[in-house]
Protein backbone atom coordinates (compact mmCIF):
# COMPACT_ATOMS: atom_id res chain seq x y z
CA MET A 1 9.73 -63.76 -32.20
CA LYS A 2 13.09 -62.95 -33.72
CA SER A 3 14.44 -59.46 -33.16
CA LYS A 4 15.38 -57.46 -36.22
CA GLU A 5 19.08 -56.83 -36.79
CA TYR A 6 20.31 -53.55 -38.22
CA LYS A 7 23.49 -53.23 -40.24
CA LEU A 8 25.40 -50.38 -38.61
CA ASP A 9 29.11 -51.01 -38.21
CA ILE A 10 29.80 -49.45 -34.82
CA PHE A 11 33.56 -49.36 -35.39
CA GLU A 12 33.14 -47.46 -38.64
CA CYS A 13 30.82 -45.06 -36.85
CA LEU A 14 33.43 -44.51 -34.10
CA SER A 15 36.10 -43.98 -36.74
CA GLN A 16 33.99 -41.32 -38.43
CA ILE A 17 33.36 -39.62 -35.07
CA SER A 18 37.08 -39.42 -34.40
CA LYS A 19 37.64 -37.99 -37.90
CA LYS A 20 34.91 -35.37 -37.26
CA ASN A 21 32.92 -36.44 -40.30
CA ILE A 22 29.67 -34.61 -39.52
CA HIS A 23 27.94 -35.92 -42.67
CA TYR A 24 28.41 -39.63 -41.90
CA TYR A 25 25.08 -40.09 -40.11
CA ASP A 26 23.15 -38.18 -42.76
CA ASN A 27 24.56 -40.46 -45.48
CA LEU A 28 23.52 -43.70 -43.74
CA SER A 29 20.64 -45.75 -45.10
CA ASP A 30 17.40 -45.87 -43.14
CA GLU A 31 18.23 -49.39 -41.91
CA GLN A 32 21.64 -48.25 -40.68
CA LYS A 33 20.13 -45.21 -38.96
CA LYS A 34 17.84 -47.53 -37.01
CA GLY A 35 20.95 -49.30 -35.74
CA PHE A 36 22.43 -46.08 -34.34
CA LEU A 37 21.83 -46.26 -30.59
CA SER A 38 23.10 -43.02 -29.10
CA LEU A 39 23.57 -44.42 -25.59
CA ILE A 40 25.67 -47.35 -26.83
CA ILE A 41 27.76 -45.13 -29.12
CA SER A 42 28.39 -42.64 -26.30
CA ARG A 43 29.46 -45.45 -23.96
CA TRP A 44 32.01 -46.53 -26.58
CA VAL A 45 33.23 -42.96 -27.07
CA TYR A 46 33.81 -42.72 -23.30
CA GLY A 47 36.43 -45.41 -23.81
CA THR A 48 38.75 -42.81 -25.29
CA PRO A 49 42.30 -42.58 -23.94
CA HIS A 50 42.17 -38.77 -24.14
CA GLU A 51 41.28 -36.85 -20.96
CA LEU A 52 40.27 -33.77 -22.94
CA GLN A 53 37.71 -35.75 -24.90
CA ILE A 54 36.14 -37.05 -21.68
CA LEU A 55 35.87 -33.50 -20.36
CA LEU A 56 34.25 -32.38 -23.61
CA LEU A 57 31.83 -35.30 -23.52
CA ASN A 58 30.79 -34.34 -19.99
CA GLN A 59 30.18 -30.74 -21.00
CA VAL A 60 28.80 -31.07 -24.52
CA VAL A 61 27.04 -34.44 -24.80
CA ASN A 62 25.98 -35.67 -21.37
CA PRO A 63 23.56 -32.85 -20.49
CA TYR A 64 21.63 -33.47 -23.70
CA LEU A 65 21.98 -37.20 -24.35
CA PHE A 66 18.54 -38.21 -23.08
CA SER A 67 16.63 -35.07 -23.95
CA LEU A 68 17.83 -35.24 -27.58
CA ASN A 69 17.44 -38.99 -27.93
CA LYS A 70 14.82 -38.50 -30.65
CA HIS A 71 17.39 -36.59 -32.72
CA PRO A 72 20.24 -39.08 -33.28
CA SER A 73 21.71 -36.94 -36.07
CA LEU A 74 22.25 -34.11 -33.62
CA ILE A 75 23.73 -36.42 -30.99
CA TYR A 76 26.12 -37.82 -33.60
CA LYS A 77 27.21 -34.30 -34.53
CA LEU A 78 27.72 -33.44 -30.85
CA LEU A 79 29.90 -36.54 -30.49
CA THR A 80 32.04 -35.41 -33.43
CA THR A 81 32.67 -32.06 -31.72
CA THR A 82 34.29 -33.85 -28.78
CA SER A 83 36.86 -35.71 -30.86
CA VAL A 84 40.42 -34.56 -30.20
CA ARG A 85 42.44 -36.82 -32.52
CA PRO A 86 41.67 -38.71 -35.70
CA ASN A 87 42.07 -42.50 -35.63
CA THR A 88 41.39 -42.74 -31.90
CA VAL A 89 41.04 -46.30 -30.66
CA TYR A 90 38.02 -46.60 -28.37
CA ARG A 91 37.63 -49.31 -25.75
CA TRP A 92 34.33 -50.30 -24.17
CA LYS A 93 34.11 -48.45 -20.87
CA ALA A 94 32.97 -50.78 -18.10
CA LYS A 95 30.16 -49.33 -16.07
CA GLN A 96 31.05 -50.74 -12.65
CA GLN A 97 34.42 -51.54 -11.18
CA ASP A 98 35.24 -53.90 -8.33
CA ILE A 99 35.61 -52.09 -5.05
CA LYS A 100 38.32 -53.60 -2.86
CA PHE A 101 37.24 -52.10 0.48
CA PRO A 102 33.47 -51.60 0.25
CA LEU A 103 32.80 -51.29 3.99
CA SER A 104 35.54 -48.72 4.51
CA ILE A 105 34.34 -46.72 1.54
CA ASN A 106 30.78 -46.86 2.87
CA VAL A 107 31.96 -45.51 6.26
CA ILE A 108 33.86 -42.61 4.65
CA SER A 109 30.87 -41.87 2.43
CA LYS A 110 28.43 -41.74 5.35
CA TYR A 111 30.80 -39.84 7.62
CA TYR A 112 31.42 -37.00 5.17
CA GLY A 113 28.13 -37.20 3.28
CA ILE A 114 29.86 -37.74 -0.04
CA SER A 115 29.34 -40.22 -2.87
CA LYS A 116 31.05 -43.59 -2.84
CA ARG A 117 33.01 -42.55 -5.92
CA GLU A 118 34.51 -39.64 -3.98
CA ALA A 119 35.08 -41.86 -0.95
CA ILE A 120 37.21 -44.20 -3.10
CA LEU A 121 39.47 -41.25 -3.88
CA HIS A 122 39.79 -40.37 -0.18
CA LEU A 123 40.45 -43.91 1.08
CA PRO A 124 44.27 -43.79 0.77
CA ASN A 125 44.34 -40.75 3.08
CA TYR A 126 43.03 -42.69 6.09
CA THR A 127 44.47 -45.32 8.39
CA ALA A 128 42.50 -48.17 9.90
CA SER A 129 42.23 -46.31 13.22
CA ASP A 130 40.85 -43.23 11.44
CA ILE A 131 38.12 -45.33 9.85
CA LEU A 132 37.28 -46.99 13.18
CA THR A 133 36.95 -43.55 14.76
CA MET A 134 34.53 -42.58 12.00
CA CYS A 135 32.54 -45.74 12.77
CA ALA A 136 32.00 -44.61 16.34
CA ASP A 137 30.70 -41.26 15.12
CA ILE A 138 28.22 -42.70 12.60
CA GLY A 139 27.01 -45.44 14.97
CA LEU A 140 27.92 -48.67 13.21
CA GLN A 141 26.33 -51.86 14.61
CA THR A 142 28.52 -54.51 16.24
CA ASP A 143 28.19 -57.05 13.41
CA GLU A 144 29.04 -54.36 10.83
CA LEU A 145 31.98 -53.28 12.97
CA LYS A 146 33.22 -56.87 13.16
CA ASN A 147 33.14 -57.22 9.34
CA LEU A 148 34.84 -53.84 8.96
CA LYS A 149 37.71 -54.88 11.27
CA ILE A 150 38.26 -57.98 9.13
CA GLU A 151 38.36 -55.79 6.03
CA LEU A 152 40.74 -53.29 7.67
CA LYS A 153 43.30 -56.03 8.34
CA LYS A 154 43.80 -56.14 4.55
CA LEU A 155 44.18 -52.35 4.31
């Protein structure tokens, strides 16, 4: 069975968001409105180069993105409120990044009871011996410790 394609130009939609055109969604045809996927559009908007816009997205859009999913017009209007400059060029924001020292980050995360994202930020503050000391405190197994020492040689 062939899936139905909708004719919404995502780049035009992003352009209208950055220009704060709150009437753009309301003027779309029914077929184009069906092509408006709020999660996909918000992922694109997160590719903004402006820090302020990311902060506004976190405060204004994120808390309501899933609860208002049945109201795409409202989500579109919320996205327009976060725009900080017209003609912003958005880049697709990758969801997951490669982690260079996953075992070390895991040790810091477990030791302090913080998320791995926070542990990545703290990694440059520690030496290899600091991380090995943390390993003793959290009770790492010998095979895990062996792999960690190999990883720490690169640190």
